[in-house]
Amino acid sequence: SPDQRTTIAFVVAMSLVGWREIAEVTARVVENVRIQPYSEAAKALGSNGFTYLRRHVLPHLRPALASELPFQASSVLVLLGELGFLQVYLGGRAVTFFIDPTNSPNPLAAAFRLAPSPELGPMLADARTYVLKGRWLPVMMPALTLALLALAFEMLGLALRFRDGSRRY
């Protein structure tokens, strides 16, 4: 069904695109922990493997990844808006209907159509007809909502970064 295909496509796209920033933050934090004197002392005292990771790396990694999470949410929100504008919908409900066999070469052909859903991407896609007619308000409202939500996530991420006092992440 279209729901499964688009969900699988979204998961694959996000795994190919969204991992780089998380990997960079993780690498920076782990490298920063490795060069600290307490980390070297823990290794000298025999802490290694999972114990070292749990006691010394994860307490520093959690805040860094928590401050990265709003940025990833903003990216996903904008990506969903872009995919919706291109009429690749992730949500909604697919309704199956059957095509008349007299007009189709197959004896019974099935097709899918998405039921209307209040998502910003499909709203932007539906607003294309309004642009051609010169009516901008139906286009501006979903676009502005999408932009403000993405900005809110970005501001939350910056606030979390500055609260932790580390501006390098």
Protein backbone atom coordinates (compact mmCIF):
# COMPACT_ATOMS: atom_id res chain seq x y z
CA SER A 1 0.00 0.00 0.00
CA PRO A 2 1.15 3.61 -0.41
CA ASP A 3 1.40 4.13 3.36
CA GLN A 4 3.98 1.38 3.75
CA ARG A 5 6.02 2.45 0.73
CA THR A 6 6.22 6.09 1.77
CA THR A 7 7.04 5.21 5.37
CA ILE A 8 9.84 2.90 4.27
CA ALA A 9 11.14 5.56 1.88
CA PHE A 10 11.12 8.15 4.66
CA VAL A 11 12.97 5.88 7.10
CA VAL A 12 15.61 5.05 4.50
CA ALA A 13 16.02 8.72 3.55
CA MET A 14 16.37 9.84 7.16
CA SER A 15 18.88 7.10 7.93
CA LEU A 16 20.97 8.15 4.94
CA VAL A 17 20.71 11.88 5.63
CA GLY A 18 20.28 12.41 9.36
CA TRP A 19 23.07 10.29 10.83
CA ARG A 20 25.99 12.58 10.01
CA GLU A 21 25.30 15.29 12.58
CA ILE A 22 24.66 12.76 15.33
CA ALA A 23 27.88 10.93 14.46
CA GLU A 24 29.88 14.20 14.51
CA VAL A 25 28.52 15.21 17.92
CA THR A 26 29.16 11.74 19.30
CA ALA A 27 32.71 11.65 17.95
CA ARG A 28 33.51 15.09 19.39
CA VAL A 29 32.17 14.21 22.83
CA VAL A 30 33.92 10.84 22.96
CA GLU A 31 37.21 12.38 21.87
CA ASN A 32 36.83 15.15 24.45
CA VAL A 33 36.20 12.59 27.19
CA ARG A 34 39.15 10.43 26.10
CA ILE A 35 41.68 13.24 26.56
CA GLN A 36 40.49 14.26 30.03
CA PRO A 37 42.73 13.37 33.00
CA TYR A 38 39.93 11.57 34.86
CA SER A 39 39.38 9.37 31.83
CA GLU A 40 43.04 8.41 31.68
CA ALA A 41 42.99 7.71 35.42
CA ALA A 42 39.92 5.48 35.03
CA LYS A 43 41.67 3.51 32.29
CA ALA A 44 44.78 3.17 34.48
CA LEU A 45 42.62 1.80 37.30
CA GLY A 46 41.21 -0.86 34.99
CA SER A 47 37.93 0.62 33.80
CA ASN A 48 37.32 -0.49 30.24
CA GLY A 49 34.59 -1.62 27.88
CA PHE A 50 30.99 -1.09 28.86
CA THR A 51 31.84 0.10 32.38
CA TYR A 52 34.02 2.88 30.98
CA LEU A 53 31.33 3.82 28.48
CA ARG A 54 28.56 3.85 31.09
CA ARG A 55 30.46 5.77 33.78
CA HIS A 56 32.52 8.22 31.79
CA VAL A 57 31.21 8.68 28.25
CA LEU A 58 27.40 8.46 28.52
CA PRO A 59 27.03 11.19 31.19
CA HIS A 60 28.69 13.61 28.76
CA LEU A 61 26.99 12.24 25.68
CA ARG A 62 23.41 12.54 26.91
CA PRO A 63 23.29 16.37 27.15
CA ALA A 64 25.07 16.74 23.81
CA LEU A 65 22.58 14.48 22.03
CA ALA A 66 19.65 16.09 23.85
CA SER A 67 20.70 19.47 22.51
CA GLU A 68 21.02 17.97 19.01
CA LEU A 69 17.52 16.46 19.09
CA PRO A 70 15.58 19.72 18.38
CA PHE A 71 17.77 20.37 15.34
CA GLN A 72 16.97 16.91 14.00
CA ALA A 73 13.26 17.47 14.70
CA SER A 74 13.41 20.71 12.73
CA SER A 75 15.09 18.92 9.83
CA VAL A 76 12.46 16.19 9.83
CA LEU A 77 9.66 18.76 9.93
CA VAL A 78 11.04 20.62 6.94
CA LEU A 79 11.69 17.33 5.12
CA LEU A 80 8.09 16.26 5.71
CA GLY A 81 6.91 19.60 4.35
CA GLU A 82 9.08 19.22 1.26
CA LEU A 83 7.92 15.66 0.66
CA GLY A 84 4.32 16.72 1.14
CA PHE A 85 4.76 19.54 -1.34
CA LEU A 86 6.10 17.00 -3.82
CA GLN A 87 2.98 14.93 -3.04
CA VAL A 88 4.83 12.13 -1.26
CA TYR A 89 2.66 11.82 1.83
CA LEU A 90 3.67 9.96 4.95
CA GLY A 91 0.55 10.21 7.02
CA GLY A 92 -3.06 9.98 6.16
CA ARG A 93 -5.15 7.01 5.28
CA ALA A 94 -5.10 5.22 1.96
CA VAL A 95 -8.55 4.39 0.66
CA THR A 96 -8.82 1.49 -1.76
CA PHE A 97 -11.21 1.79 -4.64
CA PHE A 98 -11.84 -0.42 -7.63
CA ILE A 99 -11.71 0.69 -11.23
CA ASP A 100 -14.54 -0.22 -13.55
CA PRO A 101 -13.50 -3.38 -15.43
CA THR A 102 -15.10 -2.17 -18.66
CA ASN A 103 -12.55 0.63 -19.03
CA SER A 104 -9.57 -1.33 -17.70
CA PRO A 105 -7.64 -4.15 -19.38
CA ASN A 106 -7.55 -6.05 -16.06
CA PRO A 107 -10.72 -7.80 -14.92
CA LEU A 108 -10.61 -6.05 -11.53
CA ALA A 109 -8.10 -3.24 -10.98
CA ALA A 110 -7.53 -1.68 -7.57
CA ALA A 111 -6.08 1.75 -6.92
CA PHE A 112 -5.27 3.78 -3.83
CA ARG A 113 -6.14 7.33 -3.02
CA LEU A 114 -5.18 9.24 0.08
CA ALA A 115 -7.97 10.60 2.18
CA PRO A 116 -7.59 14.28 3.07
CA SER A 117 -5.50 14.90 6.17
CA PRO A 118 -4.52 18.11 7.95
CA GLU A 119 -0.78 17.95 7.32
CA LEU A 120 1.29 20.95 6.31
CA GLY A 121 2.95 19.32 3.28
CA PRO A 122 -0.31 18.29 1.58
CA MET A 123 -1.77 21.69 2.42
CA LEU A 124 1.15 23.29 0.59
CA ALA A 125 0.70 20.91 -2.33
CA ASP A 126 -3.01 21.72 -2.53
CA ALA A 127 -2.21 25.43 -2.39
CA ARG A 128 -0.47 25.38 -5.78
CA THR A 129 -3.77 25.97 -7.53
CA TYR A 130 -4.31 29.08 -5.42
CA VAL A 131 -0.93 30.49 -6.48
CA LEU A 132 -1.93 30.19 -10.12
CA LYS A 133 -5.09 32.13 -9.33
CA GLY A 134 -3.14 34.85 -7.49
CA ARG A 135 -4.50 34.05 -4.03
CA TRP A 136 -1.57 33.95 -1.60
CA LEU A 137 -3.24 33.56 1.80
CA PRO A 138 -3.97 29.81 1.44
CA VAL A 139 -0.30 29.33 0.55
CA MET A 140 1.18 31.59 3.20
CA MET A 141 -0.58 30.09 6.20
CA PRO A 142 0.81 26.50 5.94
CA ALA A 143 4.19 27.81 4.77
CA LEU A 144 4.41 30.28 7.65
CA THR A 145 3.31 27.64 10.13
CA LEU A 146 5.96 25.26 8.86
CA ALA A 147 8.64 27.95 9.02
CA LEU A 148 7.66 29.05 12.54
CA LEU A 149 7.63 25.47 13.84
CA ALA A 150 11.07 24.82 12.36
CA LEU A 151 12.34 28.09 13.85
CA ALA A 152 10.90 27.13 17.26
CA PHE A 153 12.77 23.81 17.20
CA GLU A 154 15.98 25.59 16.17
CA MET A 155 15.61 28.12 18.99
CA LEU A 156 14.98 25.31 21.48
CA GLY A 157 18.14 23.56 20.30
CA LEU A 158 20.17 26.75 20.68
CA ALA A 159 18.75 27.34 24.15
CA LEU A 160 19.72 23.82 25.20
CA ARG A 161 23.23 24.28 23.81
CA PHE A 162 23.78 27.58 25.60
CA ARG A 163 22.28 26.25 28.83
CA ASP A 164 24.88 23.51 28.91
CA GLY A 165 27.56 26.12 28.31
CA SER A 166 29.04 24.28 25.37
CA ARG A 167 28.72 26.20 22.13
CA ARG A 168 30.90 23.79 20.11
CA TYR A 169 28.45 20.93 19.58
